[in-house]
Amino acid sequence: MIVSRDFTDDIDDCCNAIVGHTNWEFADKPLVEKIMSKRNGDHPNSDRIKCVVIFYNEEHEDGY
């Protein structure tokens, strides 16, 4: 049986390779705007960044 993969499986693989687990999430709009406002030449309405993925240092966040 062939199991299909989607792009989040690739993010899992990348997160696991970098930090040794798969605890990640997409940043919400306010956090993306904060990150972008700190970059030189970018602003919250910029189209230069499509999305931000956060890889957490800990395997699970508090509350899981």
Protein backbone atom coordinates (compact mmCIF):
# COMPACT_ATOMS: atom_id res chain seq x y z
CA MET A 1 0.00 0.00 0.00
CA ILE A 2 1.33 3.45 -0.94
CA VAL A 3 0.78 6.14 1.65
CA SER A 4 0.58 9.63 0.25
CA ARG A 5 2.62 12.48 1.69
CA ASP A 6 1.88 16.16 1.78
CA PHE A 7 4.16 19.14 2.37
CA THR A 8 3.74 18.95 6.16
CA ASP A 9 5.50 15.56 6.10
CA ASP A 10 8.49 17.34 4.56
CA ILE A 11 8.35 19.98 7.31
CA ASP A 12 8.25 17.15 9.90
CA ASP A 13 11.37 15.63 8.28
CA CYS A 14 13.18 18.97 8.29
CA CYS A 15 12.22 19.77 11.89
CA ASN A 16 13.33 16.30 13.01
CA ALA A 17 16.67 16.70 11.22
CA ILE A 18 17.31 20.09 12.82
CA VAL A 19 16.00 19.67 16.40
CA GLY A 20 15.35 15.92 16.75
CA HIS A 21 11.55 16.02 16.98
CA THR A 22 8.50 17.23 15.05
CA ASN A 23 7.15 19.99 17.32
CA TRP A 24 6.57 22.85 14.87
CA GLU A 25 3.80 25.18 13.77
CA PHE A 26 3.05 27.95 11.34
CA ALA A 27 3.39 31.41 12.89
CA ASP A 28 0.20 33.42 13.13
CA LYS A 29 -0.15 36.78 11.37
CA PRO A 30 0.81 39.00 14.38
CA LEU A 31 4.05 37.06 14.89
CA VAL A 32 4.87 37.20 11.18
CA GLU A 33 4.32 40.96 11.23
CA LYS A 34 6.61 41.30 14.27
CA ILE A 35 9.35 39.25 12.59
CA MET A 36 9.04 41.21 9.37
CA SER A 37 9.12 44.57 11.12
CA LYS A 38 12.54 43.67 12.57
CA ARG A 39 14.03 42.83 9.14
CA ASN A 40 15.78 45.60 7.27
CA GLY A 41 13.65 46.85 4.41
CA ASP A 42 10.60 44.74 5.25
CA HIS A 43 7.33 45.89 6.72
CA PRO A 44 4.14 44.06 7.80
CA ASN A 45 2.48 44.61 4.43
CA SER A 46 5.44 43.23 2.47
CA ASP A 47 4.89 40.32 0.10
CA ARG A 48 8.49 39.13 0.43
CA ILE A 49 7.66 36.47 3.06
CA LYS A 50 4.82 34.03 2.41
CA CYS A 51 4.82 32.22 5.75
CA VAL A 52 6.96 31.46 8.78
CA VAL A 53 7.41 28.02 10.31
CA ILE A 54 8.54 27.78 13.95
CA PHE A 55 10.64 24.82 15.10
CA TYR A 56 10.45 24.64 18.89
CA ASN A 57 13.49 23.66 20.94
CA GLU A 58 11.38 21.41 23.18
CA GLU A 59 9.66 18.28 21.90
CA HIS A 60 6.30 19.42 23.29
CA GLU A 61 5.06 22.79 24.45
CA ASP A 62 3.59 23.20 27.94
CA GLY A 63 -0.05 22.21 27.93
CA TYR A 64 0.28 19.25 25.55
